[in-house]
Amino acid sequence: MTQYKLAELAGLELSNISHIERGAAKLGLPTIVSIANVLRCSVDELLCDSLETPRNVYEKEASDILAGCTNSQKAFITDSMLTLKENLKRFNLDKDQKD
């Protein structure tokens, strides 16, 4: 979706969308909700990269990824995730320090 279309559908100025994308604007709850409604997502999905505890958003995303997979694909993806998790621990890259 273009910035112009998002601004139009959310009832915002085009310059506001640009400022939001660059992190140069502070948003009020009504603006956040309006943008989430236009994008047809929840506010936590919209902000999950900024939340300290976005666990349920990421778990739902992982579940959605696995939903259309065969059992073999699910096994491969799960094994890849476990390997990645172990490597994150090994190289001390797990920012949250949680298992």
Protein backbone atom coordinates (compact mmCIF):
# COMPACT_ATOMS: atom_id res chain seq x y z
CA MET A 1 0.00 0.00 0.00
CA THR A 2 1.32 3.43 -0.82
CA GLN A 3 1.78 6.16 1.78
CA TYR A 4 -0.80 8.20 -0.11
CA LYS A 5 -3.43 5.44 0.04
CA LEU A 6 -2.76 4.75 3.73
CA ALA A 7 -3.03 8.46 4.54
CA GLU A 8 -6.27 8.72 2.57
CA LEU A 9 -7.90 5.67 4.18
CA ALA A 10 -6.72 6.57 7.69
CA GLY A 11 -7.76 10.21 7.38
CA LEU A 12 -4.21 11.47 7.87
CA GLU A 13 -1.96 13.87 6.01
CA LEU A 14 0.55 12.28 3.64
CA SER A 15 3.41 14.01 5.48
CA ASN A 16 2.23 12.38 8.73
CA ILE A 17 2.66 8.90 7.23
CA SER A 18 6.18 9.75 6.14
CA HIS A 19 7.01 11.03 9.63
CA ILE A 20 5.52 7.89 11.20
CA GLU A 21 7.54 5.56 8.95
CA ARG A 22 10.76 7.39 9.83
CA GLY A 23 9.94 7.44 13.55
CA ALA A 24 9.92 11.23 13.53
CA ALA A 25 6.40 11.55 14.95
CA LYS A 26 4.78 10.59 18.21
CA LEU A 27 1.40 8.97 17.74
CA GLY A 28 -1.74 9.09 19.76
CA LEU A 29 -3.83 5.99 20.29
CA PRO A 30 -6.57 7.07 17.85
CA THR A 31 -3.98 7.39 15.05
CA ILE A 32 -2.47 3.99 15.84
CA VAL A 33 -5.89 2.36 15.90
CA SER A 34 -6.87 4.04 12.65
CA ILE A 35 -3.74 2.79 10.90
CA ALA A 36 -4.21 -0.73 12.31
CA ASN A 37 -7.82 -0.76 11.10
CA VAL A 38 -6.80 0.33 7.60
CA LEU A 39 -4.09 -2.34 7.50
CA ARG A 40 -6.55 -4.91 8.93
CA CYS A 41 -4.25 -5.93 11.75
CA SER A 42 -4.27 -5.64 15.51
CA VAL A 43 -2.36 -2.88 17.27
CA ASP A 44 -0.02 -5.47 18.82
CA GLU A 45 0.75 -6.85 15.35
CA LEU A 46 1.44 -3.33 14.14
CA LEU A 47 3.76 -2.56 17.05
CA CYS A 48 5.26 -5.98 17.82
CA ASP A 49 8.76 -4.96 16.76
CA SER A 50 8.65 -2.18 19.35
CA LEU A 51 7.11 -4.16 22.22
CA GLU A 52 9.22 -5.70 24.96
CA THR A 53 6.93 -8.73 25.23
CA PRO A 54 5.43 -9.42 21.78
CA ARG A 55 5.43 -13.18 22.37
CA ASN A 56 1.86 -13.92 21.32
CA VAL A 57 2.28 -12.03 18.02
CA TYR A 58 5.36 -14.02 17.05
CA GLU A 59 3.84 -17.32 18.20
CA LYS A 60 0.77 -16.65 16.06
CA GLU A 61 2.98 -15.76 13.09
CA ALA A 62 4.95 -19.02 13.52
CA SER A 63 1.68 -20.95 13.76
CA ASP A 64 0.38 -19.26 10.60
CA ILE A 65 3.58 -20.18 8.75
CA LEU A 66 3.20 -23.84 9.72
CA ALA A 67 -0.53 -23.95 8.96
CA GLY A 68 -0.26 -24.72 5.26
CA CYS A 69 2.72 -27.06 5.48
CA THR A 70 2.98 -30.80 5.11
CA ASN A 71 4.25 -32.81 8.08
CA SER A 72 7.67 -33.09 6.42
CA GLN A 73 7.81 -29.33 5.93
CA LYS A 74 6.73 -28.73 9.53
CA ALA A 75 9.48 -31.05 10.76
CA PHE A 76 12.10 -29.27 8.64
CA ILE A 77 10.96 -25.81 9.78
CA THR A 78 10.85 -26.89 13.43
CA ASP A 79 14.34 -28.40 13.19
CA SER A 80 15.59 -25.18 11.57
CA MET A 81 14.06 -23.12 14.37
CA LEU A 82 15.69 -25.31 17.03
CA THR A 83 19.07 -25.02 15.32
CA LEU A 84 18.68 -21.26 15.06
CA LYS A 85 17.69 -21.01 18.72
CA GLU A 86 20.74 -23.01 19.80
CA ASN A 87 23.01 -20.83 17.67
CA LEU A 88 21.52 -17.69 19.18
CA LYS A 89 22.29 -19.06 22.64
CA ARG A 90 25.77 -20.20 21.63
CA PHE A 91 26.70 -16.79 20.26
CA ASN A 92 24.84 -14.98 23.07
CA LEU A 93 22.52 -13.28 20.61
CA ASP A 94 19.28 -13.90 22.49
CA LYS A 95 18.43 -10.32 23.45
CA ASP A 96 15.54 -11.27 25.74
CA GLN A 97 17.59 -13.86 27.66
CA LYS A 98 14.58 -16.23 27.80
CA ASP A 99 14.23 -19.88 26.82
